[in-house]
Structure formats: structure tokens, C-alpha cells
């Protein structure tokens, strides 16, 4: 699998935020815009089916 990743300067609010909410606060990249139904669906699906836990290295061997 591949994923497009954008690396942002910590001071670049335009890069770090999806937009602003009604109060003018940053909507972080980890959130969804209120009208973005595809993003909201993906978030609900991810929350409902979390990734499995990492393997126990002691059981995997060297």
C-alpha cells in the first residue's frame, strides 16, 4: 500500500490545517471537514475496525 504524505513546516498553518471552524480555529489534518462525507465514512470505518495489535516479538523468534 502507498500513501501520499505532505511534510509541513510547524509554522505553516495553511499546510497544517484542513481549514478553520466557525470560531476560526484550525481543523487539524487528522480531522474531517463537516461536509466531507468520504472522510467521515473512512474515519467511522477505521474507528469500528482498528488495526490489530503489534506482534509479540518474544513469540516470533530471532
PDB file of N, CA and C in Angstrom:
ATOM      1  N   UNK A   1       0.842  -1.176   0.000  1.00  0.00           N
ATOM      2  CA  UNK A   1       0.000   0.000   0.000  1.00  0.00           C
ATOM      3  C   UNK A   1       0.885   1.236   0.000  1.00  0.00           C
ATOM      4  N   UNK A   2       0.367   2.293  -0.559  1.00  0.00           N
ATOM      5  CA  UNK A   2       1.086   3.559  -0.588  1.00  0.00           C
ATOM      6  C   UNK A   2       0.174   4.653  -0.062  1.00  0.00           C
ATOM      7  N   UNK A   3       0.790   5.696   0.432  1.00  0.00           N
ATOM      8  CA  UNK A   3       0.030   6.829   0.939  1.00  0.00           C
ATOM      9  C   UNK A   3       0.795   8.096   0.599  1.00  0.00           C
ATOM     10  N   UNK A   4       0.088   9.108   0.126  1.00  0.00           N
ATOM     11  CA  UNK A   4       0.683  10.401  -0.145  1.00  0.00           C
ATOM     12  C   UNK A   4       0.814  11.148   1.171  1.00  0.00           C
ATOM     13  N   UNK A   5       2.013  11.619   1.479  1.00  0.00           N
ATOM     14  CA  UNK A   5       2.278  12.309   2.727  1.00  0.00           C
ATOM     15  C   UNK A   5       2.850  13.682   2.407  1.00  0.00           C
ATOM     16  N   UNK A   6       2.332  14.706   3.068  1.00  0.00           N
ATOM     17  CA  UNK A   6       2.864  16.051   2.917  1.00  0.00           C
ATOM     18  C   UNK A   6       3.534  16.440   4.225  1.00  0.00           C
ATOM     19  N   UNK A   7       4.787  16.872   4.131  1.00  0.00           N
ATOM     20  CA  UNK A   7       5.527  17.290   5.311  1.00  0.00           C
ATOM     21  C   UNK A   7       5.420  18.801   5.400  1.00  0.00           C
ATOM     22  N   UNK A   8       4.921  19.293   6.541  1.00  0.00           N
ATOM     23  CA  UNK A   8       4.651  20.714   6.722  1.00  0.00           C
ATOM     24  C   UNK A   8       5.636  21.342   7.698  1.00  0.00           C
ATOM     25  N   UNK A   9       5.965  22.585   7.439  1.00  0.00           N
ATOM     26  CA  UNK A   9       6.720  23.386   8.398  1.00  0.00           C
ATOM     27  C   UNK A   9       5.807  23.617   9.601  1.00  0.00           C
ATOM     28  N   UNK A  10       6.309  23.490  10.824  1.00  0.00           N
ATOM     29  CA  UNK A  10       5.449  23.650  12.010  1.00  0.00           C
ATOM     30  C   UNK A  10       4.748  25.006  12.097  1.00  0.00           C
ATOM     31  N   UNK A  11       5.265  26.015  11.407  1.00  0.00           N
ATOM     32  CA  UNK A  11       4.651  27.345  11.447  1.00  0.00           C
ATOM     33  C   UNK A  11       3.706  27.602  10.282  1.00  0.00           C
ATOM     34  N   UNK A  12       3.567  26.652   9.363  1.00  0.00           N
ATOM     35  CA  UNK A  12       2.735  26.840   8.160  1.00  0.00           C
ATOM     36  C   UNK A  12       1.304  26.379   8.437  1.00  0.00           C
ATOM     37  N   UNK A  13       0.461  27.269   8.941  1.00  0.00           N
ATOM     38  CA  UNK A  13      -0.920  26.923   9.291  1.00  0.00           C
ATOM     39  C   UNK A  13      -1.725  26.483   8.068  1.00  0.00           C
ATOM     40  N   UNK A  14      -1.451  27.042   6.900  1.00  0.00           N
ATOM     41  CA  UNK A  14      -2.184  26.656   5.696  1.00  0.00           C
ATOM     42  C   UNK A  14      -1.926  25.197   5.342  1.00  0.00           C
ATOM     43  N   UNK A  15      -0.716  24.737   5.581  1.00  0.00           N
ATOM     44  CA  UNK A  15      -0.355  23.341   5.308  1.00  0.00           C
ATOM     45  C   UNK A  15      -0.879  22.409   6.403  1.00  0.00           C
ATOM     46  N   UNK A  16      -0.830  22.856   7.662  1.00  0.00           N
ATOM     47  CA  UNK A  16      -1.192  22.009   8.795  1.00  0.00           C
ATOM     48  C   UNK A  16      -2.695  21.848   8.982  1.00  0.00           C
ATOM     49  N   UNK A  17      -3.486  22.788   8.484  1.00  0.00           N
ATOM     50  CA  UNK A  17      -4.922  22.790   8.743  1.00  0.00           C
ATOM     51  C   UNK A  17      -5.720  22.443   7.482  1.00  0.00           C
ATOM     52  N   UNK A  18      -6.799  21.685   7.669  1.00  0.00           N
ATOM     53  CA  UNK A  18      -7.732  21.439   6.564  1.00  0.00           C
ATOM     54  C   UNK A  18      -8.533  22.692   6.261  1.00  0.00           C
ATOM     55  N   UNK A  19      -8.687  23.516   7.241  1.00  0.00           N
ATOM     56  CA  UNK A  19      -9.468  24.740   7.152  1.00  0.00           C
ATOM     57  C   UNK A  19      -9.665  25.263   8.558  1.00  0.00           C
ATOM     58  N   UNK A  20     -10.626  26.134   8.723  1.00  0.00           N
ATOM     59  CA  UNK A  20     -10.922  26.652  10.052  1.00  0.00           C
ATOM     60  C   UNK A  20     -12.383  26.403  10.387  1.00  0.00           C
ATOM     61  N   UNK A  21     -12.661  26.266  11.681  1.00  0.00           N
ATOM     62  CA  UNK A  21     -14.044  26.065  12.101  1.00  0.00           C
ATOM     63  C   UNK A  21     -14.739  27.418  12.245  1.00  0.00           C
ATOM     64  N   UNK A  22     -15.947  27.413  12.746  1.00  0.00           N
ATOM     65  CA  UNK A  22     -16.740  28.639  12.864  1.00  0.00           C
ATOM     66  C   UNK A  22     -16.079  29.674  13.770  1.00  0.00           C
ATOM     67  N   UNK A  23     -15.246  29.214  14.709  1.00  0.00           N
ATOM     68  CA  UNK A  23     -14.556  30.135  15.618  1.00  0.00           C
ATOM     69  C   UNK A  23     -13.202  30.576  15.079  1.00  0.00           C
ATOM     70  N   UNK A  24     -12.814  30.093  13.890  1.00  0.00           N
ATOM     71  CA  UNK A  24     -11.531  30.461  13.304  1.00  0.00           C
ATOM     72  C   UNK A  24     -10.377  29.585  13.749  1.00  0.00           C
ATOM     73  N   UNK A  25     -10.672  28.520  14.499  1.00  0.00           N
ATOM     74  CA  UNK A  25      -9.622  27.608  14.965  1.00  0.00           C
ATOM     75  C   UNK A  25      -9.270  26.616  13.857  1.00  0.00           C
ATOM     76  N   UNK A  26      -8.032  26.173  13.867  1.00  0.00           N
ATOM     77  CA  UNK A  26      -7.524  25.217  12.879  1.00  0.00           C
ATOM     78  C   UNK A  26      -8.242  23.871  13.007  1.00  0.00           C
ATOM     79  N   UNK A  27      -8.656  23.315  11.864  1.00  0.00           N
ATOM     80  CA  UNK A  27      -9.150  21.933  11.824  1.00  0.00           C
ATOM     81  C   UNK A  27      -7.942  21.096  11.411  1.00  0.00           C
ATOM     82  N   UNK A  28      -7.359  20.311  12.348  1.00  0.00           N
ATOM     83  CA  UNK A  28      -6.129  19.591  12.042  1.00  0.00           C
ATOM     84  C   UNK A  28      -6.321  18.559  10.936  1.00  0.00           C
ATOM     85  N   UNK A  29      -5.214  18.195  10.287  1.00  0.00           N
ATOM     86  CA  UNK A  29      -5.244  17.226   9.188  1.00  0.00           C
ATOM     87  C   UNK A  29      -5.874  15.901   9.615  1.00  0.00           C
ATOM     88  N   UNK A  30      -5.831  15.566  10.900  1.00  0.00           N
ATOM     89  CA  UNK A  30      -6.406  14.322  11.383  1.00  0.00           C
ATOM     90  C   UNK A  30      -7.921  14.341  11.456  1.00  0.00           C
ATOM     91  N   UNK A  31      -8.534  15.495  11.250  1.00  0.00           N
ATOM     92  CA  UNK A  31      -9.988  15.615  11.335  1.00  0.00           C
ATOM     93  C   UNK A  31     -10.628  15.693   9.952  1.00  0.00           C
ATOM     94  N   UNK A  32     -11.929  15.817   9.923  1.00  0.00           N
ATOM     95  CA  UNK A  32     -12.679  15.909   8.671  1.00  0.00           C
ATOM     96  C   UNK A  32     -13.448  17.224   8.631  1.00  0.00           C
ATOM     97  N   UNK A  33     -13.579  17.768   7.449  1.00  0.00           N
ATOM     98  CA  UNK A  33     -14.440  18.933   7.277  1.00  0.00           C
ATOM     99  C   UNK A  33     -15.892  18.486   7.439  1.00  0.00           C
ATOM    100  N   UNK A  34     -16.766  19.360   7.915  1.00  0.00           N
ATOM    101  CA  UNK A  34     -18.161  18.971   8.171  1.00  0.00           C
ATOM    102  C   UNK A  34     -18.894  18.426   6.944  1.00  0.00           C
ATOM    103  N   UNK A  35     -18.548  18.883   5.740  1.00  0.00           N
ATOM    104  CA  UNK A  35     -19.259  18.429   4.539  1.00  0.00           C
ATOM    105  C   UNK A  35     -18.517  17.327   3.774  1.00  0.00           C
ATOM    106  N   UNK A  36     -17.404  16.811   4.319  1.00  0.00           N
ATOM    107  CA  UNK A  36     -16.620  15.783   3.642  1.00  0.00           C
ATOM    108  C   UNK A  36     -17.107  14.399   4.078  1.00  0.00           C
ATOM    109  N   UNK A  37     -18.112  13.898   3.387  1.00  0.00           N
ATOM    110  CA  UNK A  37     -18.738  12.621   3.766  1.00  0.00           C
ATOM    111  C   UNK A  37     -17.791  11.442   3.585  1.00  0.00           C
ATOM    112  N   UNK A  38     -16.933  11.484   2.564  1.00  0.00           N
ATOM    113  CA  UNK A  38     -15.996  10.383   2.336  1.00  0.00           C
ATOM    114  C   UNK A  38     -15.007  10.281   3.506  1.00  0.00           C
ATOM    115  N   UNK A  39     -14.504  11.400   3.959  1.00  0.00           N
ATOM    116  CA  UNK A  39     -13.588  11.425   5.101  1.00  0.00           C
ATOM    117  C   UNK A  39     -14.293  10.912   6.354  1.00  0.00           C
ATOM    118  N   UNK A  40     -15.508  11.360   6.583  1.00  0.00           N
ATOM    119  CA  UNK A  40     -16.254  10.932   7.772  1.00  0.00           C
ATOM    120  C   UNK A  40     -16.531   9.430   7.734  1.00  0.00           C
ATOM    121  N   UNK A  41     -16.866   8.887   6.560  1.00  0.00           N
ATOM    122  CA  UNK A  41     -17.096   7.448   6.421  1.00  0.00           C
ATOM    123  C   UNK A  41     -15.810   6.680   6.734  1.00  0.00           C
ATOM    124  N   UNK A  42     -14.681   7.140   6.177  1.00  0.00           N
ATOM    125  CA  UNK A  42     -13.405   6.458   6.408  1.00  0.00           C
ATOM    126  C   UNK A  42     -13.035   6.498   7.885  1.00  0.00           C
ATOM    127  N   UNK A  43     -13.289   7.609   8.558  1.00  0.00           N
ATOM    128  CA  UNK A  43     -12.981   7.714   9.987  1.00  0.00           C
ATOM    129  C   UNK A  43     -13.847   6.760  10.800  1.00  0.00           C
ATOM    130  N   UNK A  44     -15.149   6.686  10.486  1.00  0.00           N
ATOM    131  CA  UNK A  44     -16.034   5.762  11.217  1.00  0.00           C
ATOM    132  C   UNK A  44     -15.615   4.317  10.982  1.00  0.00           C
ATOM    133  N   UNK A  45     -15.237   3.978   9.742  1.00  0.00           N
ATOM    134  CA  UNK A  45     -14.814   2.610   9.439  1.00  0.00           C
ATOM    135  C   UNK A  45     -13.520   2.274  10.176  1.00  0.00           C
ATOM    136  N   UNK A  46     -12.587   3.211  10.219  1.00  0.00           N
ATOM    137  CA  UNK A  46     -11.325   2.988  10.921  1.00  0.00           C
ATOM    138  C   UNK A  46     -11.555   2.835  12.418  1.00  0.00           C
ATOM    139  N   UNK A  47     -12.446   3.640  12.975  1.00  0.00           N
ATOM    140  CA  UNK A  47     -12.751   3.539  14.405  1.00  0.00           C
ATOM    141  C   UNK A  47     -13.441   2.214  14.735  1.00  0.00           C
ATOM    142  N   UNK A  48     -14.271   1.723  13.816  1.00  0.00           N
ATOM    143  CA  UNK A  48     -15.017   0.480  14.059  1.00  0.00           C
ATOM    144  C   UNK A  48     -14.122  -0.756  13.921  1.00  0.00           C
ATOM    145  N   UNK A  49     -13.116  -0.676  13.052  1.00  0.00           N
ATOM    146  CA  UNK A  49     -12.238  -1.820  12.792  1.00  0.00           C
ATOM    147  C   UNK A  49     -10.787  -1.396  12.963  1.00  0.00           C
ATOM    148  N   UNK A  50     -10.326  -1.230  14.212  1.00  0.00           N
ATOM    149  CA  UNK A  50      -8.948  -0.781  14.438  1.00  0.00           C
ATOM    150  C   UNK A  50      -7.935  -1.827  13.974  1.00  0.00           C
ATOM    151  N   UNK A  51      -6.724  -1.379  13.756  1.00  0.00           N
ATOM    152  CA  UNK A  51      -5.650  -2.279  13.341  1.00  0.00           C
ATOM    153  C   UNK A  51      -5.381  -3.299  14.448  1.00  0.00           C
ATOM    154  N   UNK A  52      -4.938  -4.495  14.064  1.00  0.00           N
ATOM    155  CA  UNK A  52      -4.620  -5.500  15.086  1.00  0.00           C
ATOM    156  C   UNK A  52      -3.400  -5.064  15.890  1.00  0.00           C
ATOM    157  N   UNK A  53      -3.224  -5.610  17.080  1.00  0.00           N
ATOM    158  CA  UNK A  53      -2.059  -5.246  17.885  1.00  0.00           C
ATOM    159  C   UNK A  53      -0.765  -5.711  17.210  1.00  0.00           C
ATOM    160  N   UNK A  54       0.330  -5.073  17.556  1.00  0.00           N
ATOM    161  CA  UNK A  54       1.630  -5.466  17.020  1.00  0.00           C
ATOM    162  C   UNK A  54       1.972  -6.876  17.500  1.00  0.00           C
ATOM    163  N   UNK A  55       2.742  -7.623  16.706  1.00  0.00           N
ATOM    164  CA  UNK A  55       3.090  -8.991  17.114  1.00  0.00           C
ATOM    165  C   UNK A  55       3.974  -8.981  18.371  1.00  0.00           C
ATOM    166  N   UNK A  56       3.863 -10.044  19.139  1.00  0.00           N
ATOM    167  CA  UNK A  56       4.697 -10.227  20.328  1.00  0.00           C
ATOM    168  C   UNK A  56       6.049 -10.736  19.846  1.00  0.00           C
ATOM    169  N   UNK A  57       7.092  -9.905  19.943  1.00  0.00           N
ATOM    170  CA  UNK A  57       8.414 -10.269  19.425  1.00  0.00           C
ATOM    171  C   UNK A  57       8.998 -11.479  20.117  1.00  0.00           C
ATOM    172  N   UNK A  58       8.615 -11.738  21.350  1.00  0.00           N
ATOM    173  CA  UNK A  58       9.119 -12.917  22.065  1.00  0.00           C
ATOM    174  C   UNK A  58       8.589 -14.197  21.440  1.00  0.00           C
ATOM    175  N   UNK A  59       7.421 -14.145  20.829  1.00  0.00           N
ATOM    176  CA  UNK A  59       6.852 -15.336  20.200  1.00  0.00           C
ATOM    177  C   UNK A  59       7.314 -15.518  18.758  1.00  0.00           C
ATOM    178  N   UNK A  60       7.851 -14.467  18.144  1.00  0.00           N
ATOM    179  CA  UNK A  60       8.229 -14.513  16.727  1.00  0.00           C
ATOM    180  C   UNK A  60       9.593 -15.129  16.493  1.00  0.00           C
ATOM    181  N   UNK A  61      10.429 -15.187  17.492  1.00  0.00           N
ATOM    182  CA  UNK A  61      11.756 -15.746  17.326  1.00  0.00           C
ATOM    183  C   UNK A  61      12.736 -14.708  16.822  1.00  0.00           C
ATOM    184  N   UNK A  62      13.986 -15.119  16.592  1.00  0.00           N
ATOM    185  CA  UNK A  62      15.030 -14.172  16.173  1.00  0.00           C
ATOM    186  C   UNK A  62      14.853 -13.671  14.763  1.00  0.00           C
TER     187      UNK A  62
END
